[in-house]
PDB file of all heavy atoms in Angstrom:
ATOM      1  N   PRO A   1      -5.827  31.507  19.438  1.00  0.00           N
ATOM      2  CA  PRO A   1      -5.037  31.398  20.667  1.00  0.00           C
ATOM      3  C   PRO A   1      -5.528  32.385  21.718  1.00  0.00           C
ATOM      4  O   PRO A   1      -5.789  33.554  21.426  1.00  0.00           O
ATOM      5  CB  PRO A   1      -3.612  31.747  20.203  1.00  0.00           C
ATOM      6  CG  PRO A   1      -3.603  31.427  18.741  1.00  0.00           C
ATOM      7  CD  PRO A   1      -4.985  31.785  18.256  1.00  0.00           C
ATOM      8  N   GLY A   2      -5.693  31.917  22.927  1.00  0.00           N
ATOM      9  CA  GLY A   2      -6.172  32.763  24.005  1.00  0.00           C
ATOM     10  C   GLY A   2      -7.679  32.879  24.074  1.00  0.00           C
ATOM     11  O   GLY A   2      -8.205  33.485  25.014  1.00  0.00           O
ATOM     12  N   GLY A   3      -8.383  32.323  23.101  1.00  0.00           N
ATOM     13  CA  GLY A   3      -9.839  32.395  23.083  1.00  0.00           C
ATOM     14  C   GLY A   3     -10.476  31.227  23.810  1.00  0.00           C
ATOM     15  O   GLY A   3      -9.802  30.371  24.391  1.00  0.00           O
ATOM     16  N   SER A   4     -11.806  31.197  23.780  1.00  0.00           N
ATOM     17  CA  SER A   4     -12.551  30.108  24.411  1.00  0.00           C
ATOM     18  C   SER A   4     -12.647  28.911  23.468  1.00  0.00           C
ATOM     19  O   SER A   4     -12.505  29.051  22.243  1.00  0.00           O
ATOM     20  CB  SER A   4     -13.954  30.584  24.774  1.00  0.00           C
ATOM     21  OG  SER A   4     -13.904  31.682  25.659  1.00  0.00           O
ATOM     22  N   GLU A   5     -12.899  27.745  24.033  1.00  0.00           N
ATOM     23  CA  GLU A   5     -13.073  26.549  23.222  1.00  0.00           C
ATOM     24  C   GLU A   5     -14.318  26.703  22.342  1.00  0.00           C
ATOM     25  O   GLU A   5     -15.401  27.033  22.840  1.00  0.00           O
ATOM     26  CB  GLU A   5     -13.227  25.323  24.113  1.00  0.00           C
ATOM     27  CG  GLU A   5     -13.452  24.031  23.351  1.00  0.00           C
ATOM     28  CD  GLU A   5     -13.595  22.836  24.262  1.00  0.00           C
ATOM     29  OE1 GLU A   5     -13.221  22.932  25.463  1.00  0.00           O
ATOM     30  OE2 GLU A   5     -14.092  21.785  23.784  1.00  0.00           O
ATOM     31  N   PRO A   6     -14.189  26.496  21.026  1.00  0.00           N
ATOM     32  CA  PRO A   6     -15.358  26.611  20.144  1.00  0.00           C
ATOM     33  C   PRO A   6     -16.461  25.635  20.560  1.00  0.00           C
ATOM     34  O   PRO A   6     -16.183  24.513  20.997  1.00  0.00           O
ATOM     35  CB  PRO A   6     -14.795  26.264  18.762  1.00  0.00           C
ATOM     36  CG  PRO A   6     -13.333  26.576  18.858  1.00  0.00           C
ATOM     37  CD  PRO A   6     -12.952  26.242  20.272  1.00  0.00           C
ATOM     38  N   ALA A   7     -17.700  26.066  20.438  1.00  0.00           N
ATOM     39  CA  ALA A   7     -18.832  25.222  20.823  1.00  0.00           C
ATOM     40  C   ALA A   7     -18.944  23.996  19.936  1.00  0.00           C
ATOM     41  O   ALA A   7     -19.394  22.932  20.375  1.00  0.00           O
ATOM     42  CB  ALA A   7     -20.124  26.042  20.771  1.00  0.00           C
ATOM     43  N   VAL A   8     -18.547  24.140  18.669  1.00  0.00           N
ATOM     44  CA  VAL A   8     -18.636  23.030  17.714  1.00  0.00           C
ATOM     45  C   VAL A   8     -17.235  22.749  17.157  1.00  0.00           C
ATOM     46  O   VAL A   8     -16.644  23.617  16.511  1.00  0.00           O
ATOM     47  CB  VAL A   8     -19.597  23.358  16.561  1.00  0.00           C
ATOM     48  CG1 VAL A   8     -19.676  22.195  15.585  1.00  0.00           C
ATOM     49  CG2 VAL A   8     -20.989  23.696  17.107  1.00  0.00           C
ATOM     50  N   PRO A   9     -16.676  21.558  17.408  1.00  0.00           N
ATOM     51  CA  PRO A   9     -15.360  21.230  16.859  1.00  0.00           C
ATOM     52  C   PRO A   9     -15.442  20.977  15.363  1.00  0.00           C
ATOM     53  O   PRO A   9     -16.534  20.811  14.792  1.00  0.00           O
ATOM     54  CB  PRO A   9     -14.976  19.961  17.621  1.00  0.00           C
ATOM     55  CG  PRO A   9     -16.273  19.346  18.011  1.00  0.00           C
ATOM     56  CD  PRO A   9     -17.225  20.488  18.246  1.00  0.00           C
ATOM     57  N   ASP A  10     -14.307  20.941  14.709  1.00  0.00           N
ATOM     58  CA  ASP A  10     -14.266  20.651  13.278  1.00  0.00           C
ATOM     59  C   ASP A  10     -14.540  19.172  12.998  1.00  0.00           C
ATOM     60  O   ASP A  10     -14.967  18.821  11.895  1.00  0.00           O
ATOM     61  CB  ASP A  10     -12.904  21.064  12.706  1.00  0.00           C
ATOM     62  CG  ASP A  10     -12.714  22.571  12.732  1.00  0.00           C
ATOM     63  OD1 ASP A  10     -13.354  23.257  11.921  1.00  0.00           O
ATOM     64  OD2 ASP A  10     -11.939  23.055  13.575  1.00  0.00           O
ATOM     65  N   ALA A  11     -14.285  18.320  13.956  1.00  0.00           N
ATOM     66  CA  ALA A  11     -14.639  16.897  13.855  1.00  0.00           C
ATOM     67  C   ALA A  11     -14.678  16.334  15.267  1.00  0.00           C
ATOM     68  O   ALA A  11     -13.900  16.746  16.137  1.00  0.00           O
ATOM     69  CB  ALA A  11     -13.634  16.133  13.003  1.00  0.00           C
ATOM     70  N   SER A  12     -15.589  15.390  15.517  1.00  0.00           N
ATOM     71  CA  SER A  12     -15.694  14.802  16.846  1.00  0.00           C
ATOM     72  C   SER A  12     -16.240  13.389  16.733  1.00  0.00           C
ATOM     73  O   SER A  12     -16.804  12.994  15.702  1.00  0.00           O
ATOM     74  CB  SER A  12     -16.587  15.648  17.759  1.00  0.00           C
ATOM     75  OG  SER A  12     -17.908  15.715  17.239  1.00  0.00           O
ATOM     76  N   GLN A  13     -16.120  12.647  17.833  1.00  0.00           N
ATOM     77  CA  GLN A  13     -16.533  11.245  17.806  1.00  0.00           C
ATOM     78  C   GLN A  13     -16.697  10.716  19.218  1.00  0.00           C
ATOM     79  O   GLN A  13     -15.968  11.100  20.132  1.00  0.00           O
ATOM     80  CB  GLN A  13     -15.462  10.434  17.062  1.00  0.00           C
ATOM     81  CG  GLN A  13     -15.772   8.958  16.905  1.00  0.00           C
ATOM     82  CD  GLN A  13     -14.608   8.245  16.216  1.00  0.00           C
ATOM     83  OE1 GLN A  13     -13.599   7.972  16.837  1.00  0.00           O
ATOM     84  NE2 GLN A  13     -14.766   7.981  14.933  1.00  0.00           N
ATOM     85  N   THR A  14     -17.690   9.846  19.413  1.00  0.00           N
ATOM     86  CA  THR A  14     -17.843   9.070  20.643  1.00  0.00           C
ATOM     87  C   THR A  14     -18.012   7.615  20.231  1.00  0.00           C
ATOM     88  O   THR A  14     -18.029   7.282  19.046  1.00  0.00           O
ATOM     89  CB  THR A  14     -19.067   9.527  21.459  1.00  0.00           C
ATOM     90  OG1 THR A  14     -20.234   9.442  20.633  1.00  0.00           O
ATOM     91  CG2 THR A  14     -18.891  10.957  21.952  1.00  0.00           C
ATOM     92  N   GLY A  15     -18.169   6.750  21.226  1.00  0.00           N
ATOM     93  CA  GLY A  15     -18.309   5.331  20.918  1.00  0.00           C
ATOM     94  C   GLY A  15     -16.986   4.618  21.030  1.00  0.00           C
ATOM     95  O   GLY A  15     -15.999   5.157  21.529  1.00  0.00           O
ATOM     96  N   GLY A  16     -16.941   3.398  20.531  1.00  0.00           N
ATOM     97  CA  GLY A  16     -15.715   2.621  20.617  1.00  0.00           C
ATOM     98  C   GLY A  16     -15.398   2.253  22.052  1.00  0.00           C
ATOM     99  O   GLY A  16     -16.278   2.156  22.910  1.00  0.00           O
ATOM    100  N   THR A  17     -14.125   2.077  22.356  1.00  0.00           N
ATOM    101  CA  THR A  17     -13.679   1.669  23.686  1.00  0.00           C
ATOM    102  C   THR A  17     -13.106   2.865  24.425  1.00  0.00           C
ATOM    103  O   THR A  17     -12.300   3.618  23.881  1.00  0.00           O
ATOM    104  CB  THR A  17     -12.597   0.573  23.578  1.00  0.00           C
ATOM    105  OG1 THR A  17     -13.124  -0.533  22.832  1.00  0.00           O
ATOM    106  CG2 THR A  17     -12.169   0.096  24.958  1.00  0.00           C
ATOM    107  N   ASP A  18     -13.510   3.047  25.669  1.00  0.00           N
ATOM    108  CA  ASP A  18     -12.990   4.152  26.472  1.00  0.00           C
ATOM    109  C   ASP A  18     -11.593   3.827  27.002  1.00  0.00           C
ATOM    110  O   ASP A  18     -11.282   2.673  27.321  1.00  0.00           O
ATOM    111  CB  ASP A  18     -13.922   4.436  27.656  1.00  0.00           C
ATOM    112  CG  ASP A  18     -15.255   5.012  27.214  1.00  0.00           C
ATOM    113  OD1 ASP A  18     -15.358   5.437  26.045  1.00  0.00           O
ATOM    114  OD2 ASP A  18     -16.197   5.037  28.034  1.00  0.00           O
ATOM    115  N   ALA A  19     -10.765   4.862  27.114  1.00  0.00           N
ATOM    116  CA  ALA A  19      -9.420   4.698  27.658  1.00  0.00           C
ATOM    117  C   ALA A  19      -9.471   4.749  29.185  1.00  0.00           C
ATOM    118  O   ALA A  19     -10.240   5.517  29.767  1.00  0.00           O
ATOM    119  CB  ALA A  19      -8.500   5.796  27.134  1.00  0.00           C
ATOM    120  N   VAL A  20      -8.650   3.931  29.825  1.00  0.00           N
ATOM    121  CA  VAL A  20      -8.564   3.959  31.282  1.00  0.00           C
ATOM    122  C   VAL A  20      -7.729   5.152  31.721  1.00  0.00           C
ATOM    123  O   VAL A  20      -8.077   5.888  32.631  1.00  0.00           O
ATOM    124  CB  VAL A  20      -7.952   2.646  31.813  1.00  0.00           C
ATOM    125  CG1 VAL A  20      -7.769   2.714  33.325  1.00  0.00           C
ATOM    126  CG2 VAL A  20      -8.828   1.471  31.421  1.00  0.00           C
ATOM    127  N   ASN A  21      -6.599   5.354  31.086  1.00  0.00           N
ATOM    128  CA  ASN A  21      -5.762   6.521  31.333  1.00  0.00           C
ATOM    129  C   ASN A  21      -4.926   6.775  30.081  1.00  0.00           C
ATOM    130  O   ASN A  21      -4.792   5.912  29.223  1.00  0.00           O
ATOM    131  CB  ASN A  21      -4.851   6.330  32.562  1.00  0.00           C
ATOM    132  CG  ASN A  21      -4.016   5.063  32.461  1.00  0.00           C
ATOM    133  OD1 ASN A  21      -3.389   4.791  31.439  1.00  0.00           O
ATOM    134  ND2 ASN A  21      -4.002   4.273  33.532  1.00  0.00           N
ATOM    135  N   LEU A  22      -4.399   7.958  29.975  1.00  0.00           N
ATOM    136  CA  LEU A  22      -3.581   8.328  28.819  1.00  0.00           C
ATOM    137  C   LEU A  22      -2.268   8.904  29.341  1.00  0.00           C
ATOM    138  O   LEU A  22      -2.276   9.907  30.047  1.00  0.00           O
ATOM    139  CB  LEU A  22      -4.308   9.359  27.947  1.00  0.00           C
ATOM    140  CG  LEU A  22      -5.615   8.895  27.307  1.00  0.00           C
ATOM    141  CD1 LEU A  22      -6.305  10.047  26.596  1.00  0.00           C
ATOM    142  CD2 LEU A  22      -5.361   7.763  26.325  1.00  0.00           C
ATOM    143  N   GLN A  23      -1.163   8.266  28.973  1.00  0.00           N
ATOM    144  CA  GLN A  23       0.118   8.719  29.514  1.00  0.00           C
ATOM    145  C   GLN A  23       1.200   8.887  28.452  1.00  0.00           C
ATOM    146  O   GLN A  23       2.221   9.519  28.723  1.00  0.00           O
ATOM    147  CB  GLN A  23       0.621   7.747  30.587  1.00  0.00           C
ATOM    148  CG  GLN A  23      -0.229   7.741  31.845  1.00  0.00           C
ATOM    149  CD  GLN A  23       0.430   6.975  32.971  1.00  0.00           C
ATOM    150  OE1 GLN A  23       1.524   6.440  32.808  1.00  0.00           O
ATOM    151  NE2 GLN A  23      -0.215   6.921  34.121  1.00  0.00           N
ATOM    152  N   ASN A  24       1.016   8.367  27.251  1.00  0.00           N
ATOM    153  CA  ASN A  24       2.065   8.425  26.234  1.00  0.00           C
ATOM    154  C   ASN A  24       1.593   9.182  24.996  1.00  0.00           C
ATOM    155  O   ASN A  24       0.462   9.005  24.537  1.00  0.00           O
ATOM    156  CB  ASN A  24       2.520   7.023  25.832  1.00  0.00           C
ATOM    157  CG  ASN A  24       3.175   6.279  26.982  1.00  0.00           C
ATOM    158  OD1 ASN A  24       3.795   6.896  27.837  1.00  0.00           O
ATOM    159  ND2 ASN A  24       3.035   4.963  27.003  1.00  0.00           N
ATOM    160  N   LEU A  25       2.470  10.011  24.453  1.00  0.00           N
ATOM    161  CA  LEU A  25       2.225  10.746  23.225  1.00  0.00           C
ATOM    162  C   LEU A  25       3.204  10.245  22.170  1.00  0.00           C
ATOM    163  O   LEU A  25       4.381  10.049  22.458  1.00  0.00           O
ATOM    164  CB  LEU A  25       2.434  12.247  23.458  1.00  0.00           C
ATOM    165  CG  LEU A  25       2.474  13.154  22.224  1.00  0.00           C
ATOM    166  CD1 LEU A  25       1.095  13.267  21.601  1.00  0.00           C
ATOM    167  CD2 LEU A  25       3.005  14.533  22.607  1.00  0.00           C
ATOM    168  N   TYR A  26       2.725  10.010  20.936  1.00  0.00           N
ATOM    169  CA  TYR A  26       3.632   9.520  19.893  1.00  0.00           C
ATOM    170  C   TYR A  26       3.554  10.384  18.641  1.00  0.00           C
ATOM    171  O   TYR A  26       2.568  11.057  18.379  1.00  0.00           O
ATOM    172  CB  TYR A  26       3.330   8.058  19.545  1.00  0.00           C
ATOM    173  CG  TYR A  26       2.034   7.849  18.780  1.00  0.00           C
ATOM    174  CD1 TYR A  26       1.986   8.015  17.392  1.00  0.00           C
ATOM    175  CD2 TYR A  26       0.863   7.463  19.429  1.00  0.00           C
ATOM    176  CE1 TYR A  26       0.804   7.823  16.686  1.00  0.00           C
ATOM    177  CE2 TYR A  26      -0.312   7.268  18.732  1.00  0.00           C
ATOM    178  CZ  TYR A  26      -0.335   7.453  17.358  1.00  0.00           C
ATOM    179  OH  TYR A  26      -1.502   7.263  16.653  1.00  0.00           O
ATOM    180  N   LEU A  27       4.639  10.358  17.868  1.00  0.00           N
ATOM    181  CA  LEU A  27       4.684  10.925  16.527  1.00  0.00           C
ATOM    182  C   LEU A  27       4.986   9.780  15.584  1.00  0.00           C
ATOM    183  O   LEU A  27       5.920   9.006  15.811  1.00  0.00           O
ATOM    184  CB  LEU A  27       5.774  12.001  16.414  1.00  0.00           C
ATOM    185  CG  LEU A  27       5.617  13.239  17.293  1.00  0.00           C
ATOM    186  CD1 LEU A  27       6.823  14.148  17.122  1.00  0.00           C
ATOM    187  CD2 LEU A  27       4.343  13.981  16.946  1.00  0.00           C
ATOM    188  N   LYS A  28       4.232   9.660  14.517  1.00  0.00           N
ATOM    189  CA  LYS A  28       4.346   8.531  13.606  1.00  0.00           C
ATOM    190  C   LYS A  28       5.037   8.940  12.317  1.00  0.00           C
ATOM    191  O   LYS A  28       4.721   9.971  11.733  1.00  0.00           O
ATOM    192  CB  LYS A  28       2.957   7.973  13.292  1.00  0.00           C
ATOM    193  CG  LYS A  28       2.920   6.900  12.210  1.00  0.00           C
ATOM    194  CD  LYS A  28       3.572   5.600  12.646  1.00  0.00           C
ATOM    195  CE  LYS A  28       3.422   4.517  11.584  1.00  0.00           C
ATOM    196  NZ  LYS A  28       4.074   3.269  11.959  1.00  0.00           N
ATOM    197  N   SER A  29       5.987   8.132  11.861  1.00  0.00           N
ATOM    198  CA  SER A  29       6.642   8.358  10.574  1.00  0.00           C
ATOM    199  C   SER A  29       6.583   7.060   9.781  1.00  0.00           C
ATOM    200  O   SER A  29       6.758   5.977  10.322  1.00  0.00           O
ATOM    201  CB  SER A  29       8.105   8.775  10.775  1.00  0.00           C
ATOM    202  OG  SER A  29       8.749   8.904   9.531  1.00  0.00           O
ATOM    203  N   SER A  30       6.306   7.167   8.490  1.00  0.00           N
ATOM    204  CA  SER A  30       6.202   5.968   7.675  1.00  0.00           C
ATOM    205  C   SER A  30       6.502   6.313   6.221  1.00  0.00           C
ATOM    206  O   SER A  30       6.504   7.484   5.827  1.00  0.00           O
ATOM    207  CB  SER A  30       4.796   5.364   7.789  1.00  0.00           C
ATOM    208  OG  SER A  30       4.702   4.143   7.081  1.00  0.00           O
ATOM    209  N   ALA A  31       6.755   5.295   5.411  1.00  0.00           N
ATOM    210  CA  ALA A  31       7.022   5.495   3.991  1.00  0.00           C
ATOM    211  C   ALA A  31       5.828   6.183   3.333  1.00  0.00           C
ATOM    212  O   ALA A  31       4.685   5.839   3.581  1.00  0.00           O
ATOM    213  CB  ALA A  31       7.308   4.153   3.322  1.00  0.00           C
ATOM    214  N   GLY A  32       6.102   7.177   2.495  1.00  0.00           N
ATOM    215  CA  GLY A  32       5.052   7.898   1.796  1.00  0.00           C
ATOM    216  C   GLY A  32       4.525   9.105   2.534  1.00  0.00           C
ATOM    217  O   GLY A  32       3.758   9.890   1.983  1.00  0.00           O
ATOM    218  N   TYR A  33       4.942   9.289   3.809  1.00  0.00           N
ATOM    219  CA  TYR A  33       4.469  10.437   4.578  1.00  0.00           C
ATOM    220  C   TYR A  33       5.208  11.712   4.195  1.00  0.00           C
ATOM    221  O   TYR A  33       4.748  12.804   4.497  1.00  0.00           O
ATOM    222  CB  TYR A  33       4.674  10.203   6.080  1.00  0.00           C
ATOM    223  CG  TYR A  33       3.653   9.287   6.718  1.00  0.00           C
ATOM    224  CD1 TYR A  33       2.953   8.351   5.964  1.00  0.00           C
ATOM    225  CD2 TYR A  33       3.403   9.350   8.076  1.00  0.00           C
ATOM    226  CE1 TYR A  33       2.042   7.505   6.565  1.00  0.00           C
ATOM    227  CE2 TYR A  33       2.488   8.503   8.684  1.00  0.00           C
ATOM    228  CZ  TYR A  33       1.811   7.577   7.915  1.00  0.00           C
ATOM    229  OH  TYR A  33       0.909   6.746   8.515  1.00  0.00           O
ATOM    230  N   ASP A  34       6.371  11.587   3.566  1.00  0.00           N
ATOM    231  CA  ASP A  34       7.205  12.724   3.207  1.00  0.00           C
ATOM    232  C   ASP A  34       7.606  13.470   4.474  1.00  0.00           C
ATOM    233  O   ASP A  34       8.011  12.850   5.436  1.00  0.00           O
ATOM    234  CB  ASP A  34       6.500  13.623   2.184  1.00  0.00           C
ATOM    235  CG  ASP A  34       7.502  14.426   1.345  1.00  0.00           C
ATOM    236  OD1 ASP A  34       8.704  14.312   1.605  1.00  0.00           O
ATOM    237  OD2 ASP A  34       7.064  15.137   0.444  1.00  0.00           O
ATOM    238  N   THR A  35       7.494  14.795   4.520  1.00  0.00           N
ATOM    239  CA  THR A  35       8.030  15.571   5.642  1.00  0.00           C
ATOM    240  C   THR A  35       6.939  16.320   6.389  1.00  0.00           C
ATOM    241  O   THR A  35       6.148  17.031   5.787  1.00  0.00           O
ATOM    242  CB  THR A  35       9.069  16.591   5.140  1.00  0.00           C
ATOM    243  OG1 THR A  35      10.127  15.891   4.482  1.00  0.00           O
ATOM    244  CG2 THR A  35       9.643  17.400   6.306  1.00  0.00           C
ATOM    245  N   TRP A  36       6.911  16.140   7.709  1.00  0.00           N
ATOM    246  CA  TRP A  36       6.024  16.901   8.592  1.00  0.00           C
ATOM    247  C   TRP A  36       6.899  17.584   9.633  1.00  0.00           C
ATOM    248  O   TRP A  36       7.827  16.973  10.166  1.00  0.00           O
ATOM    249  CB  TRP A  36       5.042  15.977   9.305  1.00  0.00           C
ATOM    250  CG  TRP A  36       3.993  15.372   8.432  1.00  0.00           C
ATOM    251  CD1 TRP A  36       4.143  14.300   7.600  1.00  0.00           C
ATOM    252  CD2 TRP A  36       2.638  15.792   8.292  1.00  0.00           C
ATOM    253  NE1 TRP A  36       2.963  14.022   6.964  1.00  0.00           N
ATOM    254  CE2 TRP A  36       2.019  14.925   7.368  1.00  0.00           C
ATOM    255  CE3 TRP A  36       1.887  16.816   8.874  1.00  0.00           C
ATOM    256  CZ2 TRP A  36       0.689  15.046   6.999  1.00  0.00           C
ATOM    257  CZ3 TRP A  36       0.555  16.945   8.514  1.00  0.00           C
ATOM    258  CH2 TRP A  36      -0.039  16.063   7.578  1.00  0.00           C
ATOM    259  N   ASN A  37       6.614  18.827   9.933  1.00  0.00           N
ATOM    260  CA  ASN A  37       7.343  19.559  10.967  1.00  0.00           C
ATOM    261  C   ASN A  37       6.391  19.917  12.096  1.00  0.00           C
ATOM    262  O   ASN A  37       5.343  20.518  11.859  1.00  0.00           O
ATOM    263  CB  ASN A  37       7.961  20.846  10.404  1.00  0.00           C
ATOM    264  CG  ASN A  37       9.027  20.554   9.366  1.00  0.00           C
ATOM    265  OD1 ASN A  37       9.820  19.642   9.543  1.00  0.00           O
ATOM    266  ND2 ASN A  37       9.032  21.319   8.292  1.00  0.00           N
ATOM    267  N   PHE A  38       6.757  19.566  13.320  1.00  0.00           N
ATOM    268  CA  PHE A  38       5.989  19.929  14.508  1.00  0.00           C
ATOM    269  C   PHE A  38       6.844  20.912  15.297  1.00  0.00           C
ATOM    270  O   PHE A  38       7.862  20.534  15.862  1.00  0.00           O
ATOM    271  CB  PHE A  38       5.684  18.695  15.361  1.00  0.00           C
ATOM    272  CG  PHE A  38       4.782  17.690  14.700  1.00  0.00           C
ATOM    273  CD1 PHE A  38       5.287  16.788  13.779  1.00  0.00           C
ATOM    274  CD2 PHE A  38       3.432  17.646  14.998  1.00  0.00           C
ATOM    275  CE1 PHE A  38       4.465  15.860  13.164  1.00  0.00           C
ATOM    276  CE2 PHE A  38       2.598  16.720  14.392  1.00  0.00           C
ATOM    277  CZ  PHE A  38       3.112  15.819  13.465  1.00  0.00           C
ATOM    278  N   ASP A  39       6.460  22.190  15.314  1.00  0.00           N
ATOM    279  CA  ASP A  39       7.320  23.166  15.966  1.00  0.00           C
ATOM    280  C   ASP A  39       7.018  23.339  17.443  1.00  0.00           C
ATOM    281  O   ASP A  39       7.856  23.819  18.200  1.00  0.00           O
ATOM    282  CB  ASP A  39       7.278  24.520  15.248  1.00  0.00           C
ATOM    283  CG  ASP A  39       5.878  25.121  15.181  1.00  0.00           C
ATOM    284  OD1 ASP A  39       4.978  24.594  15.856  1.00  0.00           O
ATOM    285  OD2 ASP A  39       5.702  26.095  14.449  1.00  0.00           O
ATOM    286  N   THR A  40       5.822  22.967  17.905  1.00  0.00           N
ATOM    287  CA  THR A  40       5.489  23.058  19.326  1.00  0.00           C
ATOM    288  C   THR A  40       4.468  21.973  19.669  1.00  0.00           C
ATOM    289  O   THR A  40       3.516  21.776  18.923  1.00  0.00           O
ATOM    290  CB  THR A  40       4.879  24.425  19.688  1.00  0.00           C
ATOM    291  OG1 THR A  40       5.794  25.458  19.333  1.00  0.00           O
ATOM    292  CG2 THR A  40       4.594  24.523  21.183  1.00  0.00           C
ATOM    293  N   LEU A  41       4.679  21.278  20.770  1.00  0.00           N
ATOM    294  CA  LEU A  41       3.719  20.291  21.264  1.00  0.00           C
ATOM    295  C   LEU A  41       3.372  20.646  22.706  1.00  0.00           C
ATOM    296  O   LEU A  41       4.264  20.783  23.541  1.00  0.00           O
ATOM    297  CB  LEU A  41       4.303  18.877  21.204  1.00  0.00           C
ATOM    298  CG  LEU A  41       4.494  18.261  19.819  1.00  0.00           C
ATOM    299  CD1 LEU A  41       5.234  16.942  19.929  1.00  0.00           C
ATOM    300  CD2 LEU A  41       3.150  18.054  19.139  1.00  0.00           C
ATOM    301  N   ARG A  42       2.098  20.822  22.982  1.00  0.00           N
ATOM    302  CA  ARG A  42       1.647  21.109  24.339  1.00  0.00           C
ATOM    303  C   ARG A  42       0.653  20.035  24.771  1.00  0.00           C
ATOM    304  O   ARG A  42      -0.188  19.613  23.991  1.00  0.00           O
ATOM    305  CB  ARG A  42       0.958  22.472  24.426  1.00  0.00           C
ATOM    306  CG  ARG A  42       1.849  23.682  24.190  1.00  0.00           C
ATOM    307  CD  ARG A  42       1.071  24.960  24.488  1.00  0.00           C
ATOM    308  NE  ARG A  42       1.866  26.151  24.276  1.00  0.00           N
ATOM    309  CZ  ARG A  42       1.907  26.829  23.127  1.00  0.00           C
ATOM    310  NH1 ARG A  42       1.188  26.406  22.099  1.00  0.00           N
ATOM    311  NH2 ARG A  42       2.646  27.901  23.018  1.00  0.00           N
ATOM    312  N   VAL A  43       0.728  19.648  26.034  1.00  0.00           N
ATOM    313  CA  VAL A  43      -0.228  18.715  26.613  1.00  0.00           C
ATOM    314  C   VAL A  43      -0.764  19.345  27.891  1.00  0.00           C
ATOM    315  O   VAL A  43       0.020  19.811  28.729  1.00  0.00           O
ATOM    316  CB  VAL A  43       0.419  17.352  26.924  1.00  0.00           C
ATOM    317  CG1 VAL A  43      -0.589  16.412  27.555  1.00  0.00           C
ATOM    318  CG2 VAL A  43       0.999  16.735  25.647  1.00  0.00           C
ATOM    319  N   GLY A  44      -2.078  19.395  28.050  1.00  0.00           N
ATOM    320  CA  GLY A  44      -2.658  19.995  29.246  1.00  0.00           C
ATOM    321  C   GLY A  44      -3.995  19.386  29.582  1.00  0.00           C
ATOM    322  O   GLY A  44      -4.521  18.546  28.849  1.00  0.00           O
TER     323      GLY A  44
END
């Protein structure tokens, strides 16, 4: 936190179809997922 963006991400990808714009954020819940806790969500 507070540092610079790492030069090499832990995973990355290009290709596929490009998005025109991004406006919605979702959280997914399904059978077998058990419990996930999200204590903070930031978008910037």
